[in-house]
Amino acid sequence: MGRKDQRYMDAFRGMNRLREMISALNVEILISSDRSDKNHLRMKIEDLKERIGYLLLDCGEHVKGYALYRSLPWKTHGEQKYNGMSSALIEMEHYDKARRLLEKGMKRFPESSSLIITKGMMYQKTCDYFYALQSFERAL
């Protein structure tokens, strides 16, 4: 996607808004004295980071998206982390790493339609159309 593409510009503006929201939440964490509130605010920040990661992948910024997804905590964002990291690896043509990561994710989240679809996309990219179709049918 070109830098002047409207979709890229919209995504870039969206990322800036999300970054501003993260900055504001970080200030709230500093001000808050309640541990529960701080944890809730940190969770909101992780959710916003996940959204930024999605936008990065959508804009073709696969290395940055991978790095951002990798920074998310496994405990609270495991499914999204598996999916985002695998999607980035697929787009970077690191199919073996993506396949291993998807297999781990499918063990932990066996009914995840997003992981099943990502697996189908990987098979499609590697021209394994039979397995791609199987994955897409399973996701339905």
Protein backbone atom coordinates (compact mmCIF):
# COMPACT_ATOMS: atom_id res chain seq x y z
CA MET A 1 0.00 0.00 0.00
CA GLY A 2 1.47 3.33 -1.03
CA ARG A 3 2.10 6.08 1.48
CA LYS A 4 -0.38 8.39 -0.26
CA ASP A 5 -3.11 5.75 -0.40
CA GLN A 6 -6.25 7.03 1.37
CA ARG A 7 -6.65 3.81 3.34
CA TYR A 8 -3.07 4.16 4.60
CA MET A 9 -3.65 7.78 5.60
CA ASP A 10 -6.86 6.85 7.45
CA ALA A 11 -5.05 4.03 9.26
CA PHE A 12 -2.17 6.36 10.13
CA ARG A 13 -4.59 8.90 11.62
CA GLY A 14 -6.28 6.07 13.52
CA MET A 15 -2.95 4.92 14.91
CA ASN A 16 -2.13 8.46 16.04
CA ARG A 17 -5.48 8.72 17.85
CA LEU A 18 -4.86 5.38 19.54
CA ARG A 19 -1.35 6.46 20.58
CA GLU A 20 -2.81 9.65 22.08
CA MET A 21 -5.32 7.54 24.00
CA ILE A 22 -2.47 5.36 25.29
CA SER A 23 -0.58 8.46 26.45
CA ALA A 24 -3.65 9.72 28.30
CA LEU A 25 -4.15 6.34 29.95
CA ASN A 26 -0.49 6.30 31.04
CA VAL A 27 -1.05 9.66 32.76
CA GLU A 28 -4.13 8.23 34.49
CA ILE A 29 -2.02 5.29 35.72
CA LEU A 30 0.50 7.72 37.22
CA ILE A 31 -2.23 9.70 38.96
CA SER A 32 -4.26 6.75 40.22
CA SER A 33 -3.55 5.32 43.64
CA ASP A 34 -5.91 2.36 43.31
CA ARG A 35 -4.19 -0.85 42.22
CA SER A 36 -7.35 -2.24 40.61
CA ASP A 37 -7.82 0.95 38.56
CA LYS A 38 -4.19 0.79 37.42
CA ASN A 39 -4.60 -2.81 36.27
CA HIS A 40 -7.80 -1.92 34.42
CA LEU A 41 -6.04 0.99 32.70
CA ARG A 42 -3.10 -1.25 31.72
CA MET A 43 -5.55 -3.70 30.17
CA LYS A 44 -7.10 -0.87 28.16
CA ILE A 45 -3.62 0.08 26.93
CA GLU A 46 -2.94 -3.50 25.80
CA ASP A 47 -6.27 -3.53 23.93
CA LEU A 48 -5.33 -0.28 22.16
CA LYS A 49 -1.91 -1.69 21.27
CA GLU A 50 -3.63 -4.72 19.72
CA ARG A 51 -5.72 -2.37 17.58
CA ILE A 52 -2.57 -0.52 16.47
CA GLY A 53 -0.98 -3.86 15.58
CA TYR A 54 -3.95 -4.69 13.38
CA LEU A 55 -3.69 -1.34 11.62
CA LEU A 56 0.05 -1.82 11.08
CA LEU A 57 -0.55 -5.18 9.43
CA ASP A 58 -3.33 -3.70 7.34
CA CYS A 59 -0.93 -0.99 6.11
CA GLY A 60 1.74 -3.52 5.18
CA GLU A 61 3.97 -2.64 8.13
CA HIS A 62 4.48 -6.32 8.94
CA VAL A 63 7.71 -6.08 10.92
CA LYS A 64 6.31 -3.32 13.14
CA GLY A 65 3.02 -5.18 13.52
CA TYR A 66 4.85 -8.36 14.46
CA ALA A 67 6.90 -6.50 17.08
CA LEU A 68 3.81 -4.91 18.58
CA TYR A 69 1.86 -8.18 18.74
CA ARG A 70 4.91 -9.86 20.25
CA SER A 71 4.88 -7.29 23.07
CA LEU A 72 1.32 -8.17 24.12
CA PRO A 73 0.90 -10.41 27.18
CA TRP A 74 0.14 -14.09 26.51
CA LYS A 75 -2.15 -14.35 29.51
CA THR A 76 -4.72 -11.77 28.40
CA HIS A 77 -4.14 -11.50 24.64
CA GLY A 78 -2.98 -14.99 23.68
CA GLU A 79 -5.38 -15.61 20.80
CA GLN A 80 -4.84 -12.16 19.27
CA LYS A 81 -1.09 -12.51 19.75
CA TYR A 82 -0.97 -15.88 17.96
CA ASN A 83 -3.11 -14.52 15.16
CA GLY A 84 -1.30 -11.21 14.71
CA MET A 85 2.20 -12.66 14.87
CA SER A 86 1.26 -15.49 12.48
CA SER A 87 -0.35 -13.07 10.02
CA ALA A 88 2.77 -10.91 10.02
CA LEU A 89 5.03 -13.93 9.52
CA ILE A 90 2.89 -15.13 6.61
CA GLU A 91 3.13 -11.75 4.91
CA MET A 92 6.90 -11.74 5.49
CA GLU A 93 6.97 -15.21 3.87
CA HIS A 94 8.25 -16.94 7.01
CA TYR A 95 5.84 -19.81 6.49
CA ASP A 96 7.54 -22.42 8.71
CA LYS A 97 7.59 -20.06 11.70
CA ALA A 98 3.98 -19.07 11.03
CA ARG A 99 2.92 -22.72 10.77
CA ARG A 100 4.58 -23.60 14.09
CA LEU A 101 3.05 -20.60 15.81
CA LEU A 102 -0.40 -21.40 14.42
CA GLU A 103 -0.09 -25.00 15.60
CA LYS A 104 0.68 -23.78 19.12
CA GLY A 105 -2.21 -21.34 18.95
CA MET A 106 -4.61 -24.02 17.72
CA LYS A 107 -3.65 -26.25 20.66
CA ARG A 108 -4.47 -23.48 23.10
CA PHE A 109 -7.50 -22.12 21.21
CA PRO A 110 -8.80 -25.07 19.13
CA GLU A 111 -12.09 -23.42 18.18
CA SER A 112 -10.67 -20.01 17.25
CA SER A 113 -12.15 -19.10 13.88
CA SER A 114 -9.60 -16.30 13.44
CA LEU A 115 -6.69 -18.74 13.84
CA ILE A 116 -8.36 -21.24 11.50
CA ILE A 117 -8.82 -18.50 8.87
CA THR A 118 -5.22 -17.34 9.27
CA LYS A 119 -4.10 -20.94 8.78
CA GLY A 120 -6.19 -21.06 5.60
CA MET A 121 -4.58 -17.84 4.40
CA MET A 122 -1.15 -19.36 4.98
CA TYR A 123 -2.08 -22.42 2.94
CA GLN A 124 -3.45 -20.18 0.20
CA LYS A 125 -0.20 -18.17 0.09
CA THR A 126 1.82 -21.40 -0.19
CA CYS A 127 -0.51 -22.70 -2.95
CA ASP A 128 -1.80 -25.56 -0.78
CA TYR A 129 -5.34 -24.90 -1.99
CA PHE A 130 -6.81 -28.18 -0.74
CA TYR A 131 -5.76 -27.42 2.86
CA ALA A 132 -6.73 -23.78 2.47
CA LEU A 133 -10.24 -24.80 1.46
CA GLN A 134 -10.42 -27.25 4.36
CA SER A 135 -9.46 -24.49 6.78
CA PHE A 136 -11.95 -22.01 5.37
CA GLU A 137 -14.75 -24.61 5.46
CA ARG A 138 -13.86 -25.45 9.06
CA ALA A 139 -14.04 -21.77 9.99
CA LEU A 140 -17.59 -21.63 8.66
